[in-house]
Amino acid sequence: MNVIIYCRVSSDEQTKGCSLDYQAKTLIEYCQRNKYNIIGEPYREDYSAKDFAHRPEINKIMKYCKQHKGEIDLILFLRWNRYSRDTPEAYKNIEYFQKLGIEVNACDEHIDWKQSESKILLAVYISQAEVDNDKRSKATIDGIYESAKQGKCTNKAPRGYKNIKIDDYNKYVEIVPEEAKIIRQVFADVAKGVETPTYIHKRYDRIGFKVNKNSWFDMLRNHFYIGEVRVPEHDGKPAYYTKGLHEAIIDKEIFYKVQDILDGNRKQSPKLSKKIHPDLFLRKYLVCPVCGYPLTGATSSGNGGKYTYYNCSHNAKHLRCRAEEANEMFAKYVASLKPNQAILELYKEILVELKRERDGNSRQEVEFLKLELSKTKERISKLDDKFIDGDIDKSTHARMIEKYAKEEILLNEKIEIILNPNRTNIEPKLDYSINLINNIDSYIRNASVEVKCKLIGSMFPEKIGST
């Protein structure tokens, strides 16, 4: 009987418990006892794959058997879990060999294919392996989850760190000083908000800090750099971050500034220093006509009700008036400042025309920058030719290439900025603004206190004298 021996390991644990050498030795001895003729050397599969299509050695065997049809009688391996841990895949591969007239079997778990019960026995062997695989997979996932909860690094350490392994139970990460220094500078540069993250990426790439674009942004998002470890979702529990056992590289304040920049968040308008009484919103802007001190206000009870008053913060005798009367007078005052409709329409036309002119100027500027970019690329090409022809030495070539490469990046960045600003249509914004101006007194009467304060602050940057 002509036999091909197939040995396979699929993980470190299997390597330790059932090495390729051990399998080969056992299978060779089995063949010698049974006087089988071994074809070639044992095929050794040191490759983890769930299906046969991704196993190089089994594919070599399949190809060899097809080319030498009728010359092979048996594919032999140690146990069925070495062959497959997937029942449908196993049946499919067995069928391939059976069509070539070749038996597939294990020496430690031999199946008599002449017996009707052979399929049941095969299902038991492979199902056991499949269940064992599922258990091992769950144990691995559980182990990763528990390690992450403890703040341990459960996979390859990110750039700036390296994995240290003492033994299977003692592993940790430590900082790589040279890389960490560069990464700190990268975060500091991005946090400034002066240059775009993409431009900074290109600049660092030019000086030799090679990181592809996706990895670059992954690096800027990685909480590992602030000393945190991501605990994955597990058994219905959501993922979260916990304090890691490793040392942080990046300060949290800088890290979250970078996140804001990546998210496109702008600085929020400063909050009001303290909560403003909805009926006393003018005390933030009005001053006493007698002494010039800011007005304050309060609510008092009397005549069966509560009444709110503005009064001078320096001397209450200087000014005291009902808040609702003062607020209504102010609303009428700002209403009197509204321009007529014809002026507003003319203002709208002027702004639209200015927008058209600006867009036209932008197109001209882009064409000019593209021309400069073309010249820069041509200079780089000529430098390469001069270097090849021996007209300039290596150091001169490198220096000039660096100079023009920086120019190229800067020109591309300028073009990108001009072509991709916020170019939403101006007409809806103008319509909204004109509607607001036309109804400014209604906003002063009915809008929220925050909106009122923003409107008044934009109209009157200085304090307003009251009369």
Protein backbone atom coordinates (compact mmCIF):
# COMPACT_ATOMS: atom_id res chain seq x y z
CA MET A 1 0.00 0.00 0.00
CA ASN A 2 1.40 3.39 -1.04
CA VAL A 3 0.97 5.99 1.69
CA ILE A 4 1.43 9.77 1.98
CA ILE A 5 2.07 10.96 5.54
CA TYR A 6 0.50 14.26 6.60
CA CYS A 7 1.59 16.00 9.85
CA ARG A 8 0.01 19.23 11.08
CA VAL A 9 0.12 21.65 14.00
CA SER A 10 -2.08 24.74 14.17
CA SER A 11 -1.06 26.53 17.37
CA ASP A 12 1.73 26.83 19.95
CA GLU A 13 -0.19 24.57 22.35
CA GLN A 14 -0.46 21.81 19.76
CA THR A 15 3.22 22.21 18.90
CA LYS A 16 4.15 21.52 22.50
CA GLY A 17 1.79 18.57 22.96
CA CYS A 18 2.03 17.01 19.52
CA SER A 19 5.05 18.27 17.60
CA LEU A 20 5.61 17.67 13.91
CA ASP A 21 8.63 15.49 14.70
CA TYR A 22 6.57 13.36 17.09
CA GLN A 23 3.79 12.92 14.53
CA ALA A 24 6.22 12.01 11.75
CA LYS A 25 8.04 9.48 13.96
CA THR A 26 4.80 7.83 15.10
CA LEU A 27 3.37 7.63 11.58
CA ILE A 28 6.58 6.21 10.07
CA GLU A 29 6.70 3.50 12.76
CA TYR A 30 3.02 2.70 12.09
CA CYS A 31 3.73 2.29 8.36
CA GLN A 32 6.76 0.11 9.05
CA ARG A 33 4.73 -2.20 11.30
CA ASN A 34 2.05 -2.56 8.69
CA LYS A 35 4.55 -2.81 5.81
CA TYR A 36 3.19 0.29 4.06
CA ASN A 37 5.28 2.02 1.41
CA ILE A 38 5.79 5.72 2.26
CA ILE A 39 5.82 8.03 -0.79
CA GLY A 40 8.36 10.79 -0.35
CA GLU A 41 9.00 12.66 2.88
CA PRO A 42 6.21 13.39 5.39
CA TYR A 43 4.31 16.58 4.56
CA ARG A 44 4.61 18.98 7.49
CA GLU A 45 1.89 21.62 7.85
CA ASP A 46 2.95 24.29 10.34
CA TYR A 47 0.14 26.62 9.35
CA SER A 48 -3.12 27.55 11.06
CA ALA A 49 -6.14 27.64 8.73
CA LYS A 50 -9.80 26.77 9.24
CA ASP A 51 -10.27 25.39 5.72
CA PHE A 52 -8.20 23.21 3.42
CA ALA A 53 -7.95 25.85 0.69
CA HIS A 54 -5.56 27.87 2.85
CA ARG A 55 -3.24 24.99 3.82
CA PRO A 56 -0.20 24.87 1.48
CA GLU A 57 0.90 21.29 2.28
CA ILE A 58 -2.50 19.62 1.93
CA ASN A 59 -2.89 21.40 -1.39
CA LYS A 60 0.44 19.99 -2.52
CA ILE A 61 -0.80 16.49 -1.57
CA MET A 62 -4.07 17.03 -3.48
CA LYS A 63 -2.21 18.17 -6.57
CA TYR A 64 0.28 15.29 -6.39
CA CYS A 65 -2.50 12.70 -6.01
CA LYS A 66 -4.38 14.12 -8.99
CA GLN A 67 -1.23 13.99 -11.14
CA HIS A 68 -0.44 10.43 -9.97
CA LYS A 69 -3.92 8.99 -10.02
CA GLY A 70 -3.94 5.28 -9.18
CA GLU A 71 -0.50 5.39 -7.52
CA ILE A 72 -1.57 6.46 -3.99
CA ASP A 73 -3.73 4.32 -1.70
CA LEU A 74 -3.82 6.16 1.63
CA ILE A 75 -3.45 9.63 3.17
CA LEU A 76 -2.38 8.98 6.77
CA PHE A 77 -2.23 11.32 9.76
CA LEU A 78 -2.02 10.87 13.54
CA ARG A 79 -5.54 11.81 14.73
CA TRP A 80 -8.62 13.30 13.14
CA ASN A 81 -8.16 16.62 14.95
CA ARG A 82 -4.88 16.98 13.00
CA TYR A 83 -6.88 16.63 9.79
CA SER A 84 -9.82 18.96 10.51
CA ARG A 85 -11.90 20.56 13.26
CA ASP A 86 -14.70 21.44 10.84
CA THR A 87 -17.14 18.63 9.95
CA PRO A 88 -18.43 19.95 6.57
CA GLU A 89 -14.87 20.83 5.44
CA ALA A 90 -13.63 17.38 6.42
CA TYR A 91 -16.36 15.56 4.46
CA LYS A 92 -15.71 17.73 1.41
CA ASN A 93 -11.97 17.00 1.42
CA ILE A 94 -12.45 13.27 2.07
CA GLU A 95 -14.79 13.14 -0.93
CA TYR A 96 -12.07 14.69 -3.12
CA PHE A 97 -9.63 11.89 -2.28
CA GLN A 98 -12.29 9.16 -2.49
CA LYS A 99 -13.05 10.18 -6.08
CA LEU A 100 -9.36 9.51 -6.81
CA GLY A 101 -9.68 6.10 -5.16
CA ILE A 102 -7.64 7.17 -2.10
CA GLU A 103 -8.50 6.37 1.52
CA VAL A 104 -8.14 9.02 4.25
CA ASN A 105 -7.46 7.75 7.77
CA ALA A 106 -5.78 8.27 11.16
CA CYS A 107 -3.47 5.75 12.79
CA ASP A 108 -4.59 6.51 16.40
CA GLU A 109 -8.29 6.81 15.53
CA HIS A 110 -8.60 4.33 12.67
CA ILE A 111 -11.93 4.07 10.85
CA ASP A 112 -13.02 0.98 8.93
CA TRP A 113 -14.62 2.56 5.88
CA LYS A 114 -16.18 -0.78 4.91
CA GLN A 115 -18.49 -0.54 7.91
CA SER A 116 -21.75 1.43 7.61
CA GLU A 117 -21.15 3.00 11.01
CA SER A 118 -17.91 4.60 9.80
CA LYS A 119 -19.63 7.93 9.09
CA ILE A 120 -20.99 8.05 12.62
CA LEU A 121 -17.56 7.39 14.07
CA LEU A 122 -16.01 10.03 11.80
CA ALA A 123 -18.62 12.57 12.91
CA VAL A 124 -17.84 11.81 16.56
CA TYR A 125 -14.08 12.25 16.08
CA ILE A 126 -14.34 15.53 14.16
CA SER A 127 -17.18 16.92 16.30
CA GLN A 128 -15.07 16.33 19.40
CA ALA A 129 -12.26 18.31 17.79
CA GLU A 130 -14.71 21.05 16.76
CA VAL A 131 -16.13 21.32 20.29
CA ASP A 132 -12.60 21.36 21.71
CA ASN A 133 -11.74 24.13 19.28
CA ASP A 134 -14.78 26.15 20.36
CA LYS A 135 -13.84 25.70 24.02
CA ARG A 136 -10.27 26.76 23.33
CA SER A 137 -11.51 29.80 21.39
CA LYS A 138 -13.82 30.83 24.25
CA ALA A 139 -11.04 30.30 26.79
CA THR A 140 -8.76 32.52 24.69
CA ILE A 141 -11.40 35.26 24.45
CA ASP A 142 -12.10 35.03 28.20
CA GLY A 143 -8.37 35.19 28.90
CA ILE A 144 -7.91 38.29 26.73
CA TYR A 145 -10.87 39.96 28.46
CA GLU A 146 -9.56 39.24 31.97
CA SER A 147 -6.04 40.38 31.07
CA ALA A 148 -7.38 43.61 29.57
CA LYS A 149 -9.45 44.25 32.72
CA GLN A 150 -6.20 44.07 34.69
CA GLY A 151 -4.67 46.71 32.39
CA LYS A 152 -2.38 44.32 30.52
CA CYS A 153 -1.46 44.68 26.86
CA THR A 154 -3.12 41.69 25.14
CA ASN A 155 -1.63 42.04 21.66
CA LYS A 156 1.28 43.64 19.86
CA ALA A 157 2.30 46.88 21.54
CA PRO A 158 1.77 50.02 19.42
CA ARG A 159 4.57 52.06 17.91
CA GLY A 160 6.66 53.65 20.67
CA TYR A 161 6.53 50.51 22.83
CA LYS A 162 7.84 46.96 22.57
CA ASN A 163 6.60 43.66 23.99
CA ILE A 164 8.81 41.94 26.56
CA LYS A 165 8.27 38.27 27.33
CA ILE A 166 9.92 36.59 30.31
CA ASP A 167 7.76 33.44 30.06
CA ASP A 168 4.18 32.53 29.13
CA TYR A 169 2.86 34.11 32.32
CA ASN A 170 5.16 37.14 32.61
CA LYS A 171 4.80 39.61 29.76
CA TYR A 172 4.83 43.38 29.72
CA VAL A 173 5.57 46.36 27.47
CA GLU A 174 8.23 49.00 27.79
CA ILE A 175 8.84 52.32 26.07
CA VAL A 176 11.17 52.61 23.08
CA PRO A 177 12.74 56.02 23.90
CA GLU A 178 13.67 57.05 20.34
CA GLU A 179 10.21 56.31 18.93
CA ALA A 180 8.42 57.72 21.97
CA LYS A 181 10.24 61.05 21.54
CA ILE A 182 9.01 61.37 17.94
CA ILE A 183 5.45 60.38 18.87
CA ARG A 184 5.36 63.01 21.64
CA GLN A 185 6.42 65.63 19.09
CA VAL A 186 3.80 64.42 16.60
CA PHE A 187 1.01 64.83 19.17
CA ALA A 188 2.37 68.24 20.20
CA ASP A 189 2.42 69.40 16.54
CA VAL A 190 -1.13 68.21 15.87
CA ALA A 191 -2.41 69.70 19.16
CA LYS A 192 -1.22 73.18 18.08
CA GLY A 193 -3.88 73.16 15.36
CA VAL A 194 -1.65 75.20 13.04
CA GLU A 195 -1.09 72.47 10.42
CA THR A 196 -3.52 69.76 9.34
CA PRO A 197 -2.83 66.21 10.59
CA THR A 198 -2.44 65.11 6.95
CA TYR A 199 0.21 67.74 6.27
CA ILE A 200 2.07 66.79 9.46
CA HIS A 201 1.93 63.13 8.38
CA LYS A 202 3.58 63.99 5.04
CA ARG A 203 6.23 66.09 6.77
CA TYR A 204 7.21 63.29 9.16
CA ASP A 205 7.16 60.80 6.30
CA ARG A 206 9.75 62.94 4.48
CA ILE A 207 12.11 62.86 7.44
CA GLY A 208 11.91 59.06 7.74
CA PHE A 209 9.10 58.44 10.25
CA LYS A 210 7.25 56.05 7.94
CA VAL A 211 3.63 55.39 8.92
CA ASN A 212 0.85 54.69 6.41
CA LYS A 213 -2.14 57.01 6.45
CA ASN A 214 -4.57 54.67 8.24
CA SER A 215 -2.00 53.73 10.88
CA TRP A 216 -1.18 57.41 11.35
CA PHE A 217 -4.73 58.28 12.38
CA ASP A 218 -5.03 55.05 14.41
CA MET A 219 -1.92 56.17 16.30
CA LEU A 220 -3.44 59.59 17.03
CA ARG A 221 -6.61 57.89 18.34
CA ASN A 222 -4.89 55.24 20.45
CA HIS A 223 -5.68 55.53 24.18
CA PHE A 224 -2.72 53.26 24.92
CA TYR A 225 -0.47 56.35 24.69
CA ILE A 226 -2.21 57.96 27.70
CA GLY A 227 -1.80 54.81 29.79
CA GLU A 228 -5.19 53.24 29.06
CA VAL A 229 -6.10 49.76 27.77
CA ARG A 230 -9.25 48.96 25.84
CA VAL A 231 -11.33 46.21 27.46
CA PRO A 232 -13.31 44.56 24.61
CA GLU A 233 -17.03 43.84 24.56
CA HIS A 234 -17.68 40.55 26.32
CA ASP A 235 -20.82 38.53 27.10
CA GLY A 236 -23.07 41.51 26.41
CA LYS A 237 -20.94 43.94 28.43
CA PRO A 238 -19.91 47.01 26.40
CA ALA A 239 -16.26 47.82 25.67
CA TYR A 240 -14.54 50.43 27.84
CA TYR A 241 -11.07 51.79 28.75
CA THR A 242 -9.24 51.06 31.97
CA LYS A 243 -5.95 52.17 33.49
CA GLY A 244 -3.10 50.17 32.01
CA LEU A 245 -0.04 48.71 33.72
CA HIS A 246 2.24 50.44 31.22
CA GLU A 247 3.69 53.95 31.36
CA ALA A 248 1.96 56.70 29.37
CA ILE A 249 3.80 58.54 26.60
CA ILE A 250 1.31 61.37 25.97
CA ASP A 251 -0.22 63.86 28.42
CA LYS A 252 -4.02 63.53 28.57
CA GLU A 253 -4.61 67.23 27.93
CA ILE A 254 -2.62 67.10 24.68
CA PHE A 255 -4.26 63.80 23.66
CA TYR A 256 -7.79 65.19 23.98
CA LYS A 257 -6.84 68.39 22.16
CA VAL A 258 -5.76 66.13 19.30
CA GLN A 259 -9.09 64.26 19.46
CA ASP A 260 -10.98 67.56 19.19
CA ILE A 261 -8.93 68.52 16.13
CA LEU A 262 -9.50 65.12 14.50
CA ASP A 263 -13.23 65.38 15.23
CA GLY A 264 -13.34 68.85 13.69
CA ASN A 265 -14.55 70.41 16.93
CA ARG A 266 -14.08 74.13 17.26
CA LYS A 267 -13.64 75.92 20.54
CA GLN A 268 -17.04 76.36 22.12
CA SER A 269 -18.34 79.81 22.95
CA PRO A 270 -17.52 80.64 26.55
CA LYS A 271 -20.35 79.90 28.94
CA LEU A 272 -22.00 82.70 30.83
CA SER A 273 -20.19 83.37 34.07
CA LYS A 274 -23.34 82.52 36.03
CA LYS A 275 -26.93 81.71 35.28
CA ILE A 276 -28.80 84.79 34.01
CA HIS A 277 -32.26 85.56 35.31
CA PRO A 278 -34.56 85.43 32.22
CA ASP A 279 -36.16 88.77 33.19
CA LEU A 280 -32.87 90.51 34.03
CA PHE A 281 -30.78 89.80 30.92
CA LEU A 282 -30.03 93.53 30.40
CA ARG A 283 -28.10 93.91 33.66
CA LYS A 284 -25.14 92.39 31.85
CA TYR A 285 -25.11 95.38 29.46
CA LEU A 286 -26.81 98.44 31.04
CA VAL A 287 -25.07 101.00 33.25
CA CYS A 288 -26.51 103.55 35.64
CA PRO A 289 -27.01 107.00 33.93
CA VAL A 290 -26.07 108.74 37.19
CA CYS A 291 -22.82 107.07 38.26
CA GLY A 292 -21.93 104.72 35.39
CA TYR A 293 -21.93 101.58 37.55
CA PRO A 294 -23.46 98.40 36.07
CA LEU A 295 -27.11 97.73 36.80
CA THR A 296 -28.12 94.80 38.90
CA GLY A 297 -31.57 93.47 39.69
CA ALA A 298 -33.70 91.38 41.98
CA THR A 299 -37.19 90.04 42.46
CA SER A 300 -39.29 91.23 45.39
CA SER A 301 -42.74 90.35 46.72
CA GLY A 302 -45.55 92.80 47.31
CA ASN A 303 -49.24 93.48 46.69
CA GLY A 304 -49.90 89.77 46.41
CA GLY A 305 -47.32 89.11 43.68
CA LYS A 306 -43.65 89.04 42.72
CA TYR A 307 -42.02 91.88 40.77
CA THR A 308 -38.58 92.13 39.18
CA TYR A 309 -36.62 95.39 39.14
CA TYR A 310 -33.37 96.73 37.71
CA ASN A 311 -31.40 99.02 40.05
CA CYS A 312 -27.96 100.63 40.28
CA SER A 313 -25.38 98.30 41.83
CA HIS A 314 -23.61 101.25 43.50
CA ASN A 315 -26.59 103.16 44.90
CA ALA A 316 -30.14 101.86 44.56
CA LYS A 317 -31.48 105.43 44.80
CA HIS A 318 -29.87 106.36 41.48
CA LEU A 319 -32.11 104.10 39.43
CA ARG A 320 -34.91 101.64 40.05
CA CYS A 321 -37.33 100.47 37.35
CA ARG A 322 -39.56 97.51 36.57
CA ALA A 323 -37.68 94.90 34.53
CA GLU A 324 -40.59 94.11 32.19
CA GLU A 325 -40.92 97.82 31.29
CA ALA A 326 -37.17 98.22 30.71
CA ASN A 327 -37.01 95.05 28.59
CA GLU A 328 -39.97 96.19 26.43
CA MET A 329 -38.44 99.63 25.95
CA PHE A 330 -35.17 97.98 24.88
CA ALA A 331 -37.01 95.74 22.39
CA LYS A 332 -38.67 98.81 20.83
CA TYR A 333 -35.30 100.56 20.74
CA VAL A 334 -33.55 97.78 18.78
CA ALA A 335 -36.60 97.57 16.48
CA SER A 336 -36.00 101.23 15.61
CA LEU A 337 -32.47 100.34 14.48
CA LYS A 338 -33.69 98.04 11.70
CA PRO A 339 -32.83 99.22 8.18
CA ASN A 340 -35.66 99.36 5.65
CA GLN A 341 -36.34 96.40 3.35
CA ALA A 342 -34.80 98.04 0.25
CA ILE A 343 -31.45 98.51 2.02
CA LEU A 344 -31.51 94.93 3.27
CA GLU A 345 -32.15 93.59 -0.24
CA LEU A 346 -29.33 95.76 -1.63
CA TYR A 347 -27.02 94.47 1.13
CA LYS A 348 -27.92 90.90 0.17
CA GLU A 349 -27.14 91.54 -3.51
CA ILE A 350 -23.78 93.08 -2.64
CA LEU A 351 -22.78 90.11 -0.49
CA VAL A 352 -23.81 87.61 -3.17
CA GLU A 353 -21.77 89.50 -5.74
CA LEU A 354 -18.77 89.59 -3.41
CA LYS A 355 -19.11 85.82 -2.98
CA ARG A 356 -19.03 85.37 -6.77
CA GLU A 357 -15.93 87.56 -7.05
CA ARG A 358 -14.21 85.64 -4.26
CA ASP A 359 -14.95 82.31 -5.96
CA GLY A 360 -13.55 83.70 -9.21
CA ASN A 361 -10.40 84.86 -7.43
CA SER A 362 -10.08 81.45 -5.77
CA ARG A 363 -10.16 79.70 -9.13
CA GLN A 364 -7.46 82.02 -10.44
CA GLU A 365 -5.35 81.39 -7.35
CA VAL A 366 -5.73 77.62 -7.74
CA GLU A 367 -4.64 77.81 -11.39
CA PHE A 368 -1.59 79.83 -10.36
CA LEU A 369 -0.71 77.33 -7.59
CA LYS A 370 -1.14 74.40 -10.00
CA LEU A 371 1.25 76.10 -12.41
CA GLU A 372 3.80 76.52 -9.61
CA LEU A 373 3.27 72.87 -8.63
CA SER A 374 3.95 71.78 -12.20
CA LYS A 375 7.17 73.83 -12.23
CA THR A 376 8.28 72.28 -8.93
CA LYS A 377 7.71 68.75 -10.25
CA GLU A 378 9.65 69.65 -13.39
CA ARG A 379 12.56 70.91 -11.28
CA ILE A 380 12.58 67.63 -9.33
CA SER A 381 12.64 65.69 -12.61
CA LYS A 382 15.52 67.78 -13.94
CA LEU A 383 17.46 67.26 -10.71
CA ASP A 384 17.09 63.51 -11.13
CA ASP A 385 18.41 63.75 -14.70
CA LYS A 386 21.37 65.88 -13.59
CA PHE A 387 22.21 63.40 -10.85
CA ILE A 388 22.05 60.46 -13.28
CA ASP A 389 24.22 62.35 -15.78
CA GLY A 390 26.75 63.15 -13.05
CA ASP A 391 26.26 66.94 -13.23
CA ILE A 392 25.55 67.16 -9.48
CA ASP A 393 26.75 65.04 -6.57
CA LYS A 394 24.60 62.93 -4.25
CA SER A 395 24.50 65.40 -1.34
CA THR A 396 23.47 68.32 -3.59
CA HIS A 397 20.80 66.16 -5.19
CA ALA A 398 19.41 65.10 -1.79
CA ARG A 399 19.42 68.66 -0.46
CA MET A 400 17.62 70.12 -3.46
CA ILE A 401 15.13 67.25 -3.64
CA GLU A 402 14.24 67.85 0.03
CA LYS A 403 13.73 71.56 -0.67
CA TYR A 404 11.44 71.02 -3.67
CA ALA A 405 9.60 68.16 -1.97
CA LYS A 406 8.66 70.54 0.86
CA GLU A 407 7.51 73.09 -1.72
CA GLU A 408 5.40 70.41 -3.40
CA ILE A 409 3.70 69.47 -0.12
CA LEU A 410 3.04 73.13 0.75
CA LEU A 411 1.54 73.88 -2.68
CA ASN A 412 -0.71 70.81 -2.52
CA GLU A 413 -1.82 71.85 0.96
CA LYS A 414 -2.68 75.39 -0.22
CA ILE A 415 -4.67 74.02 -3.16
CA GLU A 416 -6.54 71.65 -0.86
CA ILE A 417 -7.41 74.48 1.55
CA ILE A 418 -8.77 76.69 -1.26
CA LEU A 419 -10.73 73.92 -2.96
CA ASN A 420 -12.24 72.49 0.22
CA PRO A 421 -13.44 75.32 2.47
CA ASN A 422 -16.98 75.45 3.77
CA ARG A 423 -18.66 76.28 0.45
CA THR A 424 -22.32 75.98 1.45
CA ASN A 425 -24.67 78.25 -0.47
CA ILE A 426 -24.65 81.80 0.90
CA GLU A 427 -28.28 82.64 0.03
CA PRO A 428 -29.92 80.56 2.83
CA LYS A 429 -27.57 82.12 5.37
CA LEU A 430 -28.38 85.61 4.11
CA ASP A 431 -32.12 84.89 4.18
CA TYR A 432 -31.79 83.70 7.78
CA SER A 433 -29.74 86.75 8.77
CA ILE A 434 -32.14 89.20 7.13
CA ASN A 435 -35.11 87.50 8.78
CA LEU A 436 -33.34 87.83 12.14
CA ILE A 437 -32.70 91.56 11.57
CA ASN A 438 -36.30 92.12 10.52
CA ASN A 439 -37.56 90.40 13.65
CA ILE A 440 -34.87 91.46 16.13
CA ASP A 441 -37.42 92.90 18.59
CA SER A 442 -39.33 89.58 18.58
CA TYR A 443 -36.09 87.72 19.39
CA ILE A 444 -35.37 90.14 22.26
CA ARG A 445 -38.86 89.49 23.65
CA ASN A 446 -39.21 85.73 23.11
CA ALA A 447 -35.84 84.01 22.57
CA SER A 448 -33.98 82.14 25.30
CA VAL A 449 -31.81 84.22 27.61
CA GLU A 450 -28.64 82.76 26.04
CA VAL A 451 -29.74 83.82 22.53
CA LYS A 452 -30.73 87.26 23.79
CA CYS A 453 -27.29 87.77 25.36
CA LYS A 454 -25.49 86.67 22.19
CA LEU A 455 -27.57 89.04 20.04
CA ILE A 456 -27.12 92.01 22.37
CA GLY A 457 -23.40 91.30 22.77
CA SER A 458 -22.93 91.26 18.99
CA MET A 459 -24.81 94.56 18.63
CA PHE A 460 -23.38 96.40 21.64
CA PRO A 461 -19.81 95.35 22.49
CA GLU A 462 -19.63 98.21 24.98
CA LYS A 463 -21.89 98.82 27.99
CA ILE A 464 -25.12 100.72 27.22
CA GLY A 465 -26.03 103.83 29.16
CA SER A 466 -29.67 103.84 30.36
CA THR A 467 -31.93 106.85 30.62
